[in-house]
Amino acid sequence: MRVLFAGRKFAGRDSLRWTHEQGLEVVGVLTDDFLPGSPCAALARELGLPTFTYEQAQHAIVEGSLAFDLGVSFVYWRILRGPLLDHPARGFINFHPAPLPALKGVGGYNVAILDGMTEYGVTAHYVDAGIDTGPIIELVPVALDPERDTALSLEARSMEAMEELYQRTLMRAAATSALLEMHENRGGRYVCRKEMETLKRIGRDDDAERKARAFWFPPYDGAYLEHGDTRHTVVPRAVLESLGGRDTHLLMHSTR
């Protein structure tokens, strides 16, 4: 089975390495190699795998120099359209770091904490012409503590679960030439990047601590308060309590 891999982040790199080690034929890698230190691009070069930009891959498919049976997207940031989506006979599978159909688009971790959700998950689904609207293959639950988790801590567990989901899904896909069993993906909430940015602002009636946790994802700016023309990121209490040494913690608790 010839695979085109599209991915980023260290979890994407590890999934790419696993794919190569299983003996699956990776015919190309779509990466974020425009970023310094891209882990997926570095691994592709190490393994001698050809890399493509989104536009290069589209062109290569049209001219016939790139052919693949299955496409996989692991936190890839571009919306798949045209030849990339239409070409593979076994479809293009996306690994979405949020539960579908509930949370589409971006900001899954953020919205889950903001809304006080007690259940979370990551999803494998086929890509269609919409955004996270394709048929669902599998949803895997991920533990969520809405009173303690930050976006960063929830992402860490989600990536672990998604790597396991990726491996299981790829093995299933390699064992058949047919599409995997799927079910419909209707309803839910779609969040775009613009809405996510507006949610970061802490208003008068907001739960500032919850919002701070929901957007704590350094080095990116988190939930903020405005002072004049300046935005100041708010540090959640859960993060502060994780810092310092043992004596610092003892002193903090003794003075409450």
Protein backbone atom coordinates (compact mmCIF):
# COMPACT_ATOMS: atom_id res chain seq x y z
CA MET A 1 0.00 0.00 0.00
CA ARG A 2 1.47 3.34 -1.07
CA VAL A 3 0.95 6.06 1.54
CA LEU A 4 1.18 9.84 1.30
CA PHE A 5 1.83 11.22 4.78
CA ALA A 6 0.86 14.76 5.77
CA GLY A 7 1.79 15.79 9.27
CA ARG A 8 3.57 17.94 11.79
CA LYS A 9 4.60 18.12 15.45
CA PHE A 10 6.64 15.48 17.27
CA ALA A 11 3.67 13.09 17.42
CA GLY A 12 3.43 13.38 13.64
CA ARG A 13 7.14 12.62 13.33
CA ASP A 14 6.78 9.53 15.53
CA SER A 15 3.80 8.34 13.48
CA LEU A 16 5.78 8.81 10.27
CA ARG A 17 8.66 6.79 11.68
CA TRP A 18 6.27 4.03 12.75
CA THR A 19 4.73 3.94 9.25
CA HIS A 20 8.17 3.55 7.68
CA GLU A 21 9.20 0.85 10.17
CA GLN A 22 6.09 -1.20 9.36
CA GLY A 23 7.29 -1.51 5.78
CA LEU A 24 4.46 0.56 4.35
CA GLU A 25 5.62 2.42 1.27
CA VAL A 26 5.69 6.13 2.08
CA VAL A 27 5.84 7.78 -1.35
CA GLY A 28 5.86 11.34 -0.08
CA VAL A 29 5.66 13.58 2.98
CA LEU A 30 3.79 16.88 3.16
CA THR A 31 5.49 18.80 5.93
CA ASP A 32 5.87 22.10 7.69
CA ASP A 33 9.47 22.27 6.48
CA PHE A 34 9.15 26.02 6.02
CA LEU A 35 9.51 26.18 9.83
CA PRO A 36 13.00 25.95 11.34
CA GLY A 37 13.49 22.63 13.11
CA SER A 38 10.43 20.87 11.65
CA PRO A 39 10.53 17.34 13.15
CA CYS A 40 8.61 15.72 10.27
CA ALA A 41 10.81 17.34 7.62
CA ALA A 42 13.96 16.33 9.50
CA LEU A 43 12.83 12.71 9.75
CA ALA A 44 11.82 12.59 6.08
CA ARG A 45 15.31 13.73 5.11
CA GLU A 46 16.87 11.20 7.50
CA LEU A 47 14.85 8.36 5.94
CA GLY A 48 15.38 9.57 2.39
CA LEU A 49 11.69 10.18 1.78
CA PRO A 50 10.62 12.79 -0.79
CA THR A 51 9.01 15.90 0.68
CA PHE A 52 6.40 18.12 -0.95
CA THR A 53 4.71 21.38 -0.26
CA TYR A 54 0.95 21.33 -0.67
CA GLU A 55 1.22 22.96 -4.10
CA GLN A 56 4.04 20.68 -5.25
CA ALA A 57 2.04 17.60 -4.33
CA GLN A 58 -1.01 18.82 -6.23
CA HIS A 59 1.12 19.47 -9.31
CA ALA A 60 2.92 16.12 -9.07
CA ILE A 61 -0.38 14.23 -8.97
CA VAL A 62 -1.68 16.03 -12.04
CA GLU A 63 1.49 15.38 -14.04
CA GLY A 64 1.59 11.75 -12.94
CA SER A 65 4.82 11.73 -10.92
CA LEU A 66 3.11 11.14 -7.57
CA ALA A 67 0.69 8.26 -7.04
CA PHE A 68 -0.58 6.78 -3.78
CA ASP A 69 -3.34 4.47 -2.52
CA LEU A 70 -4.05 6.10 0.85
CA GLY A 71 -3.47 9.57 2.21
CA VAL A 72 -3.12 10.20 5.94
CA SER A 73 -3.18 13.55 7.74
CA PHE A 74 -1.78 13.82 11.28
CA VAL A 75 -2.46 17.37 12.52
CA TYR A 76 -1.72 18.73 9.05
CA TRP A 77 -2.84 22.35 8.85
CA ARG A 78 -3.91 22.72 5.22
CA ILE A 79 -7.43 22.02 3.94
CA LEU A 80 -7.23 19.21 1.40
CA ARG A 81 -8.77 19.95 -1.97
CA GLY A 82 -8.56 18.90 -5.63
CA PRO A 83 -6.21 16.10 -6.74
CA LEU A 84 -4.89 15.43 -3.24
CA LEU A 85 -8.37 14.55 -2.06
CA ASP A 86 -9.69 12.92 -5.23
CA HIS A 87 -6.67 10.81 -6.20
CA PRO A 88 -6.30 7.99 -3.61
CA ALA A 89 -8.54 4.97 -4.21
CA ARG A 90 -8.60 4.19 -0.46
CA GLY A 91 -9.35 7.77 0.52
CA PHE A 92 -7.62 10.29 2.75
CA ILE A 93 -7.86 9.67 6.50
CA ASN A 94 -7.54 12.57 8.93
CA PHE A 95 -6.61 12.17 12.59
CA HIS A 96 -8.46 14.93 14.37
CA PRO A 97 -7.37 15.87 17.92
CA ALA A 98 -10.93 16.33 19.18
CA PRO A 99 -14.13 14.30 19.39
CA LEU A 100 -16.30 14.22 16.27
CA PRO A 101 -18.97 15.16 15.53
CA ALA A 102 -18.98 17.36 18.65
CA LEU A 103 -15.97 19.61 18.00
CA LYS A 104 -14.98 20.51 14.44
CA GLY A 105 -12.33 22.94 13.25
CA VAL A 106 -9.74 24.28 15.70
CA GLY A 107 -9.78 24.90 19.43
CA GLY A 108 -10.98 21.50 20.60
CA TYR A 109 -8.90 21.52 23.79
CA ASN A 110 -9.85 25.11 24.52
CA VAL A 111 -13.58 24.72 24.05
CA ALA A 112 -13.70 21.46 26.02
CA ILE A 113 -12.17 23.14 29.08
CA LEU A 114 -14.16 26.35 28.68
CA ASP A 115 -17.41 24.41 28.47
CA GLY A 116 -16.54 22.17 31.42
CA MET A 117 -16.79 19.00 29.35
CA THR A 118 -16.15 15.82 31.32
CA GLU A 119 -15.49 13.63 28.26
CA TYR A 120 -13.03 14.19 25.44
CA GLY A 121 -11.63 12.14 22.57
CA VAL A 122 -9.67 11.97 19.32
CA THR A 123 -11.08 10.83 15.99
CA ALA A 124 -10.09 9.09 12.78
CA HIS A 125 -12.31 10.04 9.85
CA TYR A 126 -12.29 10.18 6.08
CA VAL A 127 -11.74 13.61 4.57
CA ASP A 128 -14.48 15.06 2.36
CA ALA A 129 -15.02 18.51 0.83
CA GLY A 130 -15.95 20.05 4.19
CA ILE A 131 -13.87 20.73 7.29
CA ASP A 132 -13.92 17.75 9.68
CA THR A 133 -17.26 16.66 8.20
CA GLY A 134 -16.22 13.35 6.59
CA PRO A 135 -17.46 9.94 7.80
CA ILE A 136 -16.11 8.80 11.16
CA ILE A 137 -13.98 5.65 11.39
CA GLU A 138 -13.29 5.58 15.13
CA LEU A 139 -13.52 7.85 18.18
CA VAL A 140 -11.19 7.11 21.10
CA PRO A 141 -11.96 8.59 24.55
CA VAL A 142 -9.35 10.72 26.32
CA ALA A 143 -9.47 11.53 30.04
CA LEU A 144 -10.36 15.13 30.85
CA ASP A 145 -10.42 16.94 34.18
CA PRO A 146 -12.29 20.19 33.46
CA GLU A 147 -11.23 21.67 36.82
CA ARG A 148 -7.48 21.02 36.52
CA ASP A 149 -6.51 20.46 32.89
CA THR A 150 -4.85 23.08 30.72
CA ALA A 151 -4.88 23.01 26.92
CA LEU A 152 -1.26 21.84 27.13
CA SER A 153 -1.93 18.90 29.45
CA LEU A 154 -4.99 17.81 27.47
CA GLU A 155 -3.00 17.93 24.24
CA ALA A 156 -0.29 15.70 25.70
CA ARG A 157 -2.78 12.93 26.51
CA SER A 158 -4.62 13.44 23.24
CA MET A 159 -1.46 13.01 21.17
CA GLU A 160 -0.66 9.74 22.96
CA ALA A 161 -4.13 8.43 22.23
CA MET A 162 -3.99 9.64 18.64
CA GLU A 163 -0.70 7.87 17.93
CA GLU A 164 -2.27 4.61 19.10
CA LEU A 165 -5.37 5.31 17.00
CA TYR A 166 -3.18 6.08 13.99
CA GLN A 167 -1.30 2.80 14.26
CA ARG A 168 -4.45 0.73 14.68
CA THR A 169 -6.19 2.47 11.77
CA LEU A 170 -3.22 2.12 9.40
CA MET A 171 -2.93 -1.60 10.13
CA ARG A 172 -6.62 -2.03 9.40
CA ALA A 173 -6.32 -0.06 6.17
CA ALA A 174 -3.29 -2.07 5.05
CA ALA A 175 -5.22 -5.31 5.54
CA THR A 176 -7.93 -4.47 2.98
CA SER A 177 -8.33 -2.75 -0.36
CA ALA A 178 -11.79 -1.50 0.62
CA LEU A 179 -12.72 1.56 2.64
CA LEU A 180 -12.95 0.99 6.38
CA GLU A 181 -16.31 0.78 8.12
CA MET A 182 -17.61 4.23 8.92
CA HIS A 183 -20.59 6.11 10.30
CA GLU A 184 -22.07 9.53 9.71
CA ASN A 185 -20.67 12.75 11.06
CA ARG A 186 -23.46 15.26 11.57
CA GLY A 187 -23.98 18.23 13.83
CA GLY A 188 -21.54 19.51 16.41
CA ARG A 189 -19.81 22.86 16.78
CA TYR A 190 -17.36 24.36 14.31
CA VAL A 191 -14.74 26.81 15.62
CA CYS A 192 -12.56 28.85 13.25
CA ARG A 193 -9.27 30.51 14.19
CA LYS A 194 -10.85 33.95 14.35
CA GLU A 195 -13.45 32.78 16.88
CA MET A 196 -10.78 31.02 18.94
CA GLU A 197 -8.79 34.25 19.18
CA THR A 198 -11.83 36.20 20.33
CA LEU A 199 -12.48 33.59 23.03
CA LYS A 200 -9.07 34.34 24.59
CA ARG A 201 -10.17 37.73 25.85
CA ILE A 202 -11.15 37.67 29.53
CA GLY A 203 -14.29 39.71 30.03
CA ARG A 204 -15.86 41.06 33.20
CA ASP A 205 -18.21 38.10 33.65
CA ASP A 206 -15.77 35.35 32.61
CA ASP A 207 -14.28 32.70 34.88
CA ALA A 208 -10.71 33.98 34.50
CA GLU A 209 -9.07 30.88 35.99
CA ARG A 210 -10.93 28.51 33.66
CA LYS A 211 -10.23 30.66 30.63
CA ALA A 212 -6.54 30.89 31.58
CA ARG A 213 -6.32 27.08 31.73
CA ALA A 214 -8.28 26.68 28.51
CA PHE A 215 -5.71 28.70 26.56
CA TRP A 216 -2.49 27.84 28.38
CA PHE A 217 -0.33 26.55 25.55
CA PRO A 218 3.12 28.20 25.64
CA PRO A 219 4.87 29.68 23.73
CA TYR A 220 1.59 30.93 22.21
CA ASP A 221 -0.25 33.82 23.82
CA GLY A 222 -2.90 32.59 26.22
CA ALA A 223 -6.07 34.09 27.63
CA TYR A 224 -5.43 37.75 28.25
CA LEU A 225 -6.44 40.90 30.08
CA GLU A 226 -6.09 44.26 28.39
CA HIS A 227 -4.26 47.20 29.96
CA GLY A 228 -4.37 50.17 27.64
CA ASP A 229 -3.18 48.91 24.27
CA THR A 230 -1.31 45.96 25.74
CA ARG A 231 -2.48 42.39 26.20
CA HIS A 232 -1.20 40.45 29.20
CA THR A 233 -1.43 36.66 29.26
CA VAL A 234 -2.93 35.29 32.49
CA VAL A 235 -1.15 32.36 34.15
CA PRO A 236 -3.53 29.73 35.60
CA ARG A 237 -3.22 28.72 39.25
CA ALA A 238 -2.67 25.07 38.25
CA VAL A 239 0.48 26.11 36.41
CA LEU A 240 1.77 28.26 39.27
CA GLU A 241 1.32 25.38 41.71
CA SER A 242 3.44 23.14 39.49
CA LEU A 243 6.41 25.53 39.64
CA GLY A 244 9.08 25.94 42.27
CA GLY A 245 10.72 23.48 44.62
CA ARG A 246 9.44 21.41 47.50
CA ASP A 247 10.00 24.14 50.09
CA THR A 248 8.13 26.62 47.92
CA HIS A 249 5.07 24.39 47.95
CA LEU A 250 5.25 23.91 51.72
CA LEU A 251 5.53 27.65 52.26
CA MET A 252 2.64 28.40 49.90
CA HIS A 253 0.26 25.99 51.61
CA SER A 254 1.26 27.09 55.11
CA THR A 255 0.36 30.72 54.43
CA ARG A 256 -3.12 30.12 53.06
